[in-house]
Amino acid sequence: TTTLRGSSQARTLVPTMASAPLLRRASLAPGLLLVLVALVALLFGIAAPSAFALALGGAVAAPRAAPSTAGVAAAASAAAAAAAGGCLGLRLLSPALGQAALLAGAAATAASLAAVGMPHRASVRARAAPPCEGEEATDPTLWVQTNVDMGEGKKAFMKAASKAVAACLGKPESYVAICVQDKQDIIWGGSDDPCALCKVVSLGGINLKNNKALTQEVSKLLADFTVPQNRIYVNFYDLEGQNIGYNGATFAG
């Protein structure tokens, strides 16, 4: 089971607490098996090339599958042991092949040890993630300021605008916020005729297609209050998660 985190720009799959022990046990098994096979090759000097190939494959795969460093270390040990077995098994036939096996084993070991820090860094990121970074965590907010008196229709406008923001930006309405200030002192072109200044901020979902669609919807809603389309500005801001505070943290951590 996994939990999807982060913004629409950046998502990370993090194992849940229930699955972590299983993943840790699974990460050890391939490495231990590779050590056993490599030791057999080391003791008997047989099948050294096959053992080395198996160990090399494990050294590459273990860092990706293991959340702990134990599996990576085991794979590195297997690669080193297989290289030693390769030397013992092939030296009598060809010193050159033995040296090649040793060098390849050393390279596999170095690659495995270099990857030891990867799972640790991933687990640190997982622990640092705030609870508010859910799959649907976004921040679409619409501000509307107008110089007209919206009267009793103001609440209906806000509810309709909330649905429009959700639909046009592809966001869950449960995260949409609407702020409307009517009867403001605003002039446009030196005139105090009906006009409106709007602002939309969101964590993702801001693009040409969505912006145009939402501008059209807001303009239609404001038309019911005698605000013409050519006296409406709608500014769009695509914010990063670190610049949006929510639930005692930010969407970036």
C-alpha atoms as a PDB file:
ATOM      1  CA  THR A   1       0.000   0.000   0.000  1.00  0.00           C
ATOM      2  CA  THR A   2       1.333   3.416  -0.890  1.00  0.00           C
ATOM      3  CA  THR A   3       0.393   6.986  -0.189  1.00  0.00           C
ATOM      4  CA  LEU A   4       0.766   9.556  -2.938  1.00  0.00           C
ATOM      5  CA  ARG A   5       2.361  12.790  -1.715  1.00  0.00           C
ATOM      6  CA  GLY A   6       3.295  16.248  -2.957  1.00  0.00           C
ATOM      7  CA  SER A   7       2.144  18.704  -5.479  1.00  0.00           C
ATOM      8  CA  SER A   8       0.953  18.125  -8.983  1.00  0.00           C
ATOM      9  CA  GLN A   9       4.510  18.911 -10.060  1.00  0.00           C
ATOM     10  CA  ALA A  10       6.230  16.713  -7.830  1.00  0.00           C
ATOM     11  CA  ARG A  11       4.871  13.408  -6.396  1.00  0.00           C
ATOM     12  CA  THR A  12       6.560  10.739  -4.240  1.00  0.00           C
ATOM     13  CA  LEU A  13       5.389   7.221  -3.510  1.00  0.00           C
ATOM     14  CA  VAL A  14       6.096   6.473   0.161  1.00  0.00           C
ATOM     15  CA  PRO A  15       5.532   3.027   1.748  1.00  0.00           C
ATOM     16  CA  THR A  16       2.993   3.102   4.560  1.00  0.00           C
ATOM     17  CA  MET A  17       3.980   2.046   8.085  1.00  0.00           C
ATOM     18  CA  ALA A  18       2.135  -1.266   7.747  1.00  0.00           C
ATOM     19  CA  SER A  19       4.172  -2.359   4.723  1.00  0.00           C
ATOM     20  CA  ALA A  20       7.605  -1.164   5.943  1.00  0.00           C
ATOM     21  CA  PRO A  21       8.528  -4.350   7.933  1.00  0.00           C
ATOM     22  CA  LEU A  22       7.629  -6.566   4.988  1.00  0.00           C
ATOM     23  CA  LEU A  23       9.774  -4.476   2.661  1.00  0.00           C
ATOM     24  CA  ARG A  24      12.709  -4.617   5.080  1.00  0.00           C
ATOM     25  CA  ARG A  25      12.541  -8.426   5.272  1.00  0.00           C
ATOM     26  CA  ALA A  26      12.166  -8.674   1.509  1.00  0.00           C
ATOM     27  CA  SER A  27      15.232  -6.474   1.009  1.00  0.00           C
ATOM     28  CA  LEU A  28      17.478  -8.836   2.990  1.00  0.00           C
ATOM     29  CA  ALA A  29      16.532 -12.057   1.220  1.00  0.00           C
ATOM     30  CA  PRO A  30      18.126 -11.335  -2.207  1.00  0.00           C
ATOM     31  CA  GLY A  31      21.363 -10.109  -0.656  1.00  0.00           C
ATOM     32  CA  LEU A  32      21.712 -13.119   1.686  1.00  0.00           C
ATOM     33  CA  LEU A  33      20.974 -15.510  -1.149  1.00  0.00           C
ATOM     34  CA  LEU A  34      23.636 -13.884  -3.284  1.00  0.00           C
ATOM     35  CA  VAL A  35      26.157 -14.195  -0.437  1.00  0.00           C
ATOM     36  CA  LEU A  36      25.387 -17.900  -0.094  1.00  0.00           C
ATOM     37  CA  VAL A  37      25.779 -18.569  -3.823  1.00  0.00           C
ATOM     38  CA  ALA A  38      28.993 -16.579  -3.991  1.00  0.00           C
ATOM     39  CA  LEU A  39      30.478 -18.417  -0.989  1.00  0.00           C
ATOM     40  CA  VAL A  40      29.735 -21.763  -2.647  1.00  0.00           C
ATOM     41  CA  ALA A  41      31.629 -20.561  -5.707  1.00  0.00           C
ATOM     42  CA  LEU A  42      34.413 -19.339  -3.450  1.00  0.00           C
ATOM     43  CA  LEU A  43      34.769 -22.696  -1.644  1.00  0.00           C
ATOM     44  CA  PHE A  44      34.456 -25.022  -4.599  1.00  0.00           C
ATOM     45  CA  GLY A  45      35.719 -22.814  -7.414  1.00  0.00           C
ATOM     46  CA  ILE A  46      32.835 -23.809  -9.677  1.00  0.00           C
ATOM     47  CA  ALA A  47      30.251 -21.776 -11.574  1.00  0.00           C
ATOM     48  CA  ALA A  48      32.144 -18.611 -10.673  1.00  0.00           C
ATOM     49  CA  PRO A  49      31.007 -16.686 -13.762  1.00  0.00           C
ATOM     50  CA  SER A  50      27.354 -17.481 -13.039  1.00  0.00           C
ATOM     51  CA  ALA A  51      27.697 -16.532  -9.394  1.00  0.00           C
ATOM     52  CA  PHE A  52      29.326 -13.245 -10.295  1.00  0.00           C
ATOM     53  CA  ALA A  53      26.603 -12.411 -12.818  1.00  0.00           C
ATOM     54  CA  LEU A  54      23.933 -13.146 -10.218  1.00  0.00           C
ATOM     55  CA  ALA A  55      25.680 -11.010  -7.624  1.00  0.00           C
ATOM     56  CA  LEU A  56      26.092  -8.135 -10.054  1.00  0.00           C
ATOM     57  CA  GLY A  57      22.378  -8.227 -10.875  1.00  0.00           C
ATOM     58  CA  GLY A  58      21.509  -8.162  -7.197  1.00  0.00           C
ATOM     59  CA  ALA A  59      23.881  -5.275  -6.550  1.00  0.00           C
ATOM     60  CA  VAL A  60      22.040  -3.225  -9.149  1.00  0.00           C
ATOM     61  CA  ALA A  61      18.508  -4.245  -8.133  1.00  0.00           C
ATOM     62  CA  ALA A  62      18.780  -4.195  -4.348  1.00  0.00           C
ATOM     63  CA  PRO A  63      19.179  -0.402  -3.927  1.00  0.00           C
ATOM     64  CA  ARG A  64      15.921   0.165  -5.801  1.00  0.00           C
ATOM     65  CA  ALA A  65      13.886  -2.437  -3.925  1.00  0.00           C
ATOM     66  CA  ALA A  66      15.251  -2.090  -0.393  1.00  0.00           C
ATOM     67  CA  PRO A  67      14.177   0.690   1.959  1.00  0.00           C
ATOM     68  CA  SER A  68      17.034  -0.214   4.347  1.00  0.00           C
ATOM     69  CA  THR A  69      20.787  -0.260   3.721  1.00  0.00           C
ATOM     70  CA  ALA A  70      21.168  -3.865   4.874  1.00  0.00           C
ATOM     71  CA  GLY A  71      20.063  -5.311   1.542  1.00  0.00           C
ATOM     72  CA  VAL A  72      22.475  -3.072  -0.334  1.00  0.00           C
ATOM     73  CA  ALA A  73      25.381  -4.041   1.916  1.00  0.00           C
ATOM     74  CA  ALA A  74      24.546  -7.719   1.445  1.00  0.00           C
ATOM     75  CA  ALA A  75      24.521  -7.292  -2.320  1.00  0.00           C
ATOM     76  CA  ALA A  76      27.881  -5.556  -2.162  1.00  0.00           C
ATOM     77  CA  SER A  77      29.336  -8.408  -0.111  1.00  0.00           C
ATOM     78  CA  ALA A  78      27.973 -10.904  -2.603  1.00  0.00           C
ATOM     79  CA  ALA A  79      29.583  -9.068  -5.489  1.00  0.00           C
ATOM     80  CA  ALA A  80      32.940  -9.016  -3.700  1.00  0.00           C
ATOM     81  CA  ALA A  81      32.733 -12.698  -2.789  1.00  0.00           C
ATOM     82  CA  ALA A  82      31.765 -13.627  -6.331  1.00  0.00           C
ATOM     83  CA  ALA A  83      34.750 -11.720  -7.647  1.00  0.00           C
ATOM     84  CA  ALA A  84      37.030 -13.615  -5.282  1.00  0.00           C
ATOM     85  CA  GLY A  85      35.465 -16.880  -6.398  1.00  0.00           C
ATOM     86  CA  GLY A  86      35.981 -15.850  -9.985  1.00  0.00           C
ATOM     87  CA  CYS A  87      39.668 -15.313  -9.315  1.00  0.00           C
ATOM     88  CA  LEU A  88      40.114 -18.700  -7.642  1.00  0.00           C
ATOM     89  CA  GLY A  89      38.049 -20.553 -10.217  1.00  0.00           C
ATOM     90  CA  LEU A  90      39.608 -19.025 -13.306  1.00  0.00           C
ATOM     91  CA  ARG A  91      43.204 -18.306 -12.314  1.00  0.00           C
ATOM     92  CA  LEU A  92      44.428 -21.779 -13.273  1.00  0.00           C
ATOM     93  CA  LEU A  93      42.807 -21.460 -16.694  1.00  0.00           C
ATOM     94  CA  SER A  94      43.472 -17.798 -17.443  1.00  0.00           C
ATOM     95  CA  PRO A  95      45.024 -15.191 -15.159  1.00  0.00           C
ATOM     96  CA  ALA A  96      43.572 -12.470 -17.390  1.00  0.00           C
ATOM     97  CA  LEU A  97      40.027 -13.711 -16.825  1.00  0.00           C
ATOM     98  CA  GLY A  98      40.642 -13.908 -13.106  1.00  0.00           C
ATOM     99  CA  GLN A  99      41.826 -10.306 -13.017  1.00  0.00           C
ATOM    100  CA  ALA A 100      38.821  -9.203 -15.058  1.00  0.00           C
ATOM    101  CA  ALA A 101      36.471 -10.928 -12.608  1.00  0.00           C
ATOM    102  CA  LEU A 102      38.177  -9.208  -9.677  1.00  0.00           C
ATOM    103  CA  LEU A 103      37.933  -5.770 -11.289  1.00  0.00           C
ATOM    104  CA  ALA A 104      34.278  -6.267 -12.215  1.00  0.00           C
ATOM    105  CA  GLY A 105      33.479  -7.413  -8.687  1.00  0.00           C
ATOM    106  CA  ALA A 106      35.185  -4.362  -7.239  1.00  0.00           C
ATOM    107  CA  ALA A 107      33.167  -2.098  -9.567  1.00  0.00           C
ATOM    108  CA  ALA A 108      29.901  -3.781  -8.566  1.00  0.00           C
ATOM    109  CA  THR A 109      30.776  -3.424  -4.897  1.00  0.00           C
ATOM    110  CA  ALA A 110      31.567   0.287  -5.296  1.00  0.00           C
ATOM    111  CA  ALA A 111      28.296   0.887  -7.138  1.00  0.00           C
ATOM    112  CA  SER A 112      26.334  -0.875  -4.404  1.00  0.00           C
ATOM    113  CA  LEU A 113      28.003   1.018  -1.581  1.00  0.00           C
ATOM    114  CA  ALA A 114      27.447   4.321  -3.411  1.00  0.00           C
ATOM    115  CA  ALA A 115      23.725   3.578  -3.414  1.00  0.00           C
ATOM    116  CA  VAL A 116      23.606   2.844   0.317  1.00  0.00           C
ATOM    117  CA  GLY A 117      22.455   6.384   1.146  1.00  0.00           C
ATOM    118  CA  MET A 118      19.552   6.420  -1.324  1.00  0.00           C
ATOM    119  CA  PRO A 119      16.958   4.535   0.747  1.00  0.00           C
ATOM    120  CA  HIS A 120      17.942   6.483   3.869  1.00  0.00           C
ATOM    121  CA  ARG A 121      17.388   9.829   2.168  1.00  0.00           C
ATOM    122  CA  ALA A 122      14.023   8.653   0.848  1.00  0.00           C
ATOM    123  CA  SER A 123      12.899   7.587   4.328  1.00  0.00           C
ATOM    124  CA  VAL A 124      13.933  10.965   5.751  1.00  0.00           C
ATOM    125  CA  ARG A 125      11.817  12.739   3.140  1.00  0.00           C
ATOM    126  CA  ALA A 126       8.890  10.471   3.991  1.00  0.00           C
ATOM    127  CA  ARG A 127       9.094  11.237   7.708  1.00  0.00           C
ATOM    128  CA  ALA A 128       9.374  14.988   7.061  1.00  0.00           C
ATOM    129  CA  ALA A 129       6.234  15.135   4.913  1.00  0.00           C
ATOM    130  CA  PRO A 130       3.364  16.920   6.684  1.00  0.00           C
ATOM    131  CA  PRO A 131      -0.065  15.298   7.083  1.00  0.00           C
ATOM    132  CA  CYS A 132      -1.660  18.009   4.955  1.00  0.00           C
ATOM    133  CA  GLU A 133       0.110  16.770   1.826  1.00  0.00           C
ATOM    134  CA  GLY A 134      -2.729  14.532   0.742  1.00  0.00           C
ATOM    135  CA  GLU A 135      -3.559  13.410  -2.753  1.00  0.00           C
ATOM    136  CA  GLU A 136      -6.116  16.178  -3.200  1.00  0.00           C
ATOM    137  CA  ALA A 137      -4.320  18.891  -1.227  1.00  0.00           C
ATOM    138  CA  THR A 138      -4.454  22.030  -3.349  1.00  0.00           C
ATOM    139  CA  ASP A 139      -5.144  25.709  -2.866  1.00  0.00           C
ATOM    140  CA  PRO A 140      -7.438  27.199  -5.496  1.00  0.00           C
ATOM    141  CA  THR A 141      -8.645  30.549  -4.185  1.00  0.00           C
ATOM    142  CA  LEU A 142     -10.630  33.231  -6.012  1.00  0.00           C
ATOM    143  CA  TRP A 143     -10.779  36.827  -4.835  1.00  0.00           C
ATOM    144  CA  VAL A 144     -13.299  39.205  -6.398  1.00  0.00           C
ATOM    145  CA  GLN A 145     -13.484  42.932  -5.729  1.00  0.00           C
ATOM    146  CA  THR A 146     -16.173  44.977  -7.416  1.00  0.00           C
ATOM    147  CA  ASN A 147     -17.693  48.426  -7.082  1.00  0.00           C
ATOM    148  CA  VAL A 148     -21.264  47.169  -7.495  1.00  0.00           C
ATOM    149  CA  ASP A 149     -23.664  46.229  -4.715  1.00  0.00           C
ATOM    150  CA  MET A 150     -24.325  42.507  -5.153  1.00  0.00           C
ATOM    151  CA  GLY A 151     -27.099  42.504  -2.588  1.00  0.00           C
ATOM    152  CA  GLU A 152     -28.841  39.219  -1.829  1.00  0.00           C
ATOM    153  CA  GLY A 153     -27.297  37.588  -4.898  1.00  0.00           C
ATOM    154  CA  LYS A 154     -23.812  37.698  -3.400  1.00  0.00           C
ATOM    155  CA  LYS A 155     -24.000  34.304  -1.667  1.00  0.00           C
ATOM    156  CA  ALA A 156     -25.375  32.608  -4.782  1.00  0.00           C
ATOM    157  CA  PHE A 157     -22.553  34.140  -6.799  1.00  0.00           C
ATOM    158  CA  MET A 158     -19.953  32.775  -4.372  1.00  0.00           C
ATOM    159  CA  LYS A 159     -21.372  29.253  -4.506  1.00  0.00           C
ATOM    160  CA  ALA A 160     -21.519  29.305  -8.305  1.00  0.00           C
ATOM    161  CA  ALA A 161     -17.975  30.682  -8.478  1.00  0.00           C
ATOM    162  CA  SER A 162     -16.738  27.896  -6.190  1.00  0.00           C
ATOM    163  CA  LYS A 163     -18.083  25.248  -8.549  1.00  0.00           C
ATOM    164  CA  ALA A 164     -16.638  27.091 -11.554  1.00  0.00           C
ATOM    165  CA  VAL A 165     -13.145  27.195 -10.019  1.00  0.00           C
ATOM    166  CA  ALA A 166     -13.257  23.491  -9.217  1.00  0.00           C
ATOM    167  CA  ALA A 167     -14.486  22.551 -12.684  1.00  0.00           C
ATOM    168  CA  CYS A 168     -12.149  24.812 -14.687  1.00  0.00           C
ATOM    169  CA  LEU A 169      -8.973  24.047 -12.710  1.00  0.00           C
ATOM    170  CA  GLY A 170      -9.715  20.370 -12.153  1.00  0.00           C
ATOM    171  CA  LYS A 171      -9.644  20.703  -8.356  1.00  0.00           C
ATOM    172  CA  PRO A 172     -11.846  19.189  -5.636  1.00  0.00           C
ATOM    173  CA  GLU A 173     -14.328  21.811  -4.477  1.00  0.00           C
ATOM    174  CA  SER A 174     -13.597  20.874  -0.860  1.00  0.00           C
ATOM    175  CA  TYR A 175     -10.356  22.887  -1.184  1.00  0.00           C
ATOM    176  CA  VAL A 176     -11.761  25.856  -3.106  1.00  0.00           C
ATOM    177  CA  ALA A 177     -11.991  29.191  -1.269  1.00  0.00           C
ATOM    178  CA  ILE A 178     -13.940  32.210  -2.494  1.00  0.00           C
ATOM    179  CA  CYS A 179     -13.630  35.758  -1.196  1.00  0.00           C
ATOM    180  CA  VAL A 180     -15.935  38.465  -2.573  1.00  0.00           C
ATOM    181  CA  GLN A 181     -15.827  42.137  -1.618  1.00  0.00           C
ATOM    182  CA  ASP A 182     -18.538  44.252  -3.185  1.00  0.00           C
ATOM    183  CA  LYS A 183     -19.277  47.988  -2.886  1.00  0.00           C
ATOM    184  CA  GLN A 184     -15.570  48.793  -3.179  1.00  0.00           C
ATOM    185  CA  ASP A 185     -14.122  52.124  -4.297  1.00  0.00           C
ATOM    186  CA  ILE A 186     -12.768  51.143  -7.738  1.00  0.00           C
ATOM    187  CA  ILE A 187     -12.427  53.185 -10.901  1.00  0.00           C
ATOM    188  CA  TRP A 188     -11.501  51.845 -14.339  1.00  0.00           C
ATOM    189  CA  GLY A 189     -10.324  54.228 -17.033  1.00  0.00           C
ATOM    190  CA  GLY A 190     -11.241  57.139 -14.813  1.00  0.00           C
ATOM    191  CA  SER A 191     -14.849  55.938 -14.503  1.00  0.00           C
ATOM    192  CA  ASP A 192     -16.673  54.367 -11.556  1.00  0.00           C
ATOM    193  CA  ASP A 193     -18.983  52.389 -13.834  1.00  0.00           C
ATOM    194  CA  PRO A 194     -19.419  48.704 -12.836  1.00  0.00           C
ATOM    195  CA  CYS A 195     -16.128  46.827 -12.943  1.00  0.00           C
ATOM    196  CA  ALA A 196     -14.350  43.997 -11.117  1.00  0.00           C
ATOM    197  CA  LEU A 197     -10.816  42.995 -10.186  1.00  0.00           C
ATOM    198  CA  CYS A 198     -10.272  39.254  -9.678  1.00  0.00           C
ATOM    199  CA  LYS A 199      -7.333  37.126  -8.588  1.00  0.00           C
ATOM    200  CA  VAL A 200      -6.877  33.349  -8.718  1.00  0.00           C
ATOM    201  CA  VAL A 201      -4.097  31.476  -6.938  1.00  0.00           C
ATOM    202  CA  SER A 202      -3.611  27.743  -7.141  1.00  0.00           C
ATOM    203  CA  LEU A 203      -1.081  24.980  -6.606  1.00  0.00           C
ATOM    204  CA  GLY A 204      -1.029  23.785 -10.216  1.00  0.00           C
ATOM    205  CA  GLY A 205      -3.900  23.837 -12.688  1.00  0.00           C
ATOM    206  CA  ILE A 206      -2.904  27.266 -14.000  1.00  0.00           C
ATOM    207  CA  ASN A 207      -2.510  27.208 -17.779  1.00  0.00           C
ATOM    208  CA  LEU A 208      -3.890  28.887 -20.897  1.00  0.00           C
ATOM    209  CA  LYS A 209      -6.846  26.533 -21.354  1.00  0.00           C
ATOM    210  CA  ASN A 210      -7.964  26.588 -17.713  1.00  0.00           C
ATOM    211  CA  ASN A 211      -7.388  30.312 -17.319  1.00  0.00           C
ATOM    212  CA  LYS A 212      -9.497  31.125 -20.345  1.00  0.00           C
ATOM    213  CA  ALA A 213     -12.305  28.821 -19.232  1.00  0.00           C
ATOM    214  CA  LEU A 214     -12.419  30.277 -15.721  1.00  0.00           C
ATOM    215  CA  THR A 215     -12.280  33.864 -17.025  1.00  0.00           C
ATOM    216  CA  GLN A 216     -15.313  33.140 -19.181  1.00  0.00           C
ATOM    217  CA  GLU A 217     -17.236  31.610 -16.279  1.00  0.00           C
ATOM    218  CA  VAL A 218     -16.439  34.457 -13.877  1.00  0.00           C
ATOM    219  CA  SER A 219     -17.407  37.005 -16.532  1.00  0.00           C
ATOM    220  CA  LYS A 220     -20.758  35.266 -17.061  1.00  0.00           C
ATOM    221  CA  LEU A 221     -21.464  35.299 -13.342  1.00  0.00           C
ATOM    222  CA  LEU A 222     -20.536  38.979 -12.996  1.00  0.00           C
ATOM    223  CA  ALA A 223     -22.731  39.857 -15.981  1.00  0.00           C
ATOM    224  CA  ASP A 224     -25.747  39.224 -13.726  1.00  0.00           C
ATOM    225  CA  PHE A 225     -24.582  42.253 -11.723  1.00  0.00           C
ATOM    226  CA  THR A 226     -24.215  44.519 -14.789  1.00  0.00           C
ATOM    227  CA  VAL A 227     -20.412  44.182 -14.897  1.00  0.00           C
ATOM    228  CA  PRO A 228     -19.321  44.071 -18.573  1.00  0.00           C
ATOM    229  CA  GLN A 229     -16.628  41.649 -19.684  1.00  0.00           C
ATOM    230  CA  ASN A 230     -14.368  44.455 -20.889  1.00  0.00           C
ATOM    231  CA  ARG A 231     -14.224  45.869 -17.347  1.00  0.00           C
ATOM    232  CA  ILE A 232     -13.059  42.705 -15.614  1.00  0.00           C
ATOM    233  CA  TYR A 233      -9.473  41.721 -14.878  1.00  0.00           C
ATOM    234  CA  VAL A 234      -8.641  38.185 -13.735  1.00  0.00           C
ATOM    235  CA  ASN A 235      -5.045  37.629 -12.653  1.00  0.00           C
ATOM    236  CA  PHE A 236      -3.748  34.065 -12.267  1.00  0.00           C
ATOM    237  CA  TYR A 237      -0.916  32.940  -9.984  1.00  0.00           C
ATOM    238  CA  ASP A 238       0.564  29.427  -9.972  1.00  0.00           C
ATOM    239  CA  LEU A 239       2.210  29.134  -6.550  1.00  0.00           C
ATOM    240  CA  GLU A 240       4.735  26.559  -5.359  1.00  0.00           C
ATOM    241  CA  GLY A 241       3.875  24.361  -2.400  1.00  0.00           C
ATOM    242  CA  GLN A 242       6.437  26.067  -0.165  1.00  0.00           C
ATOM    243  CA  ASN A 243       4.613  29.366  -0.635  1.00  0.00           C
ATOM    244  CA  ILE A 244       1.237  28.098   0.575  1.00  0.00           C
ATOM    245  CA  GLY A 245       0.635  27.577   4.283  1.00  0.00           C
ATOM    246  CA  TYR A 246      -2.027  25.093   5.372  1.00  0.00           C
ATOM    247  CA  ASN A 247      -2.881  23.158   8.525  1.00  0.00           C
ATOM    248  CA  GLY A 248       0.075  24.456  10.489  1.00  0.00           C
ATOM    249  CA  ALA A 249       2.623  23.692   7.753  1.00  0.00           C
ATOM    250  CA  THR A 250       3.078  24.253   4.025  1.00  0.00           C
ATOM    251  CA  PHE A 251       2.296  22.007   1.088  1.00  0.00           C
ATOM    252  CA  ALA A 252       6.040  21.439   0.636  1.00  0.00           C
ATOM    253  CA  GLY A 253       6.743  20.393   4.221  1.00  0.00           C
END
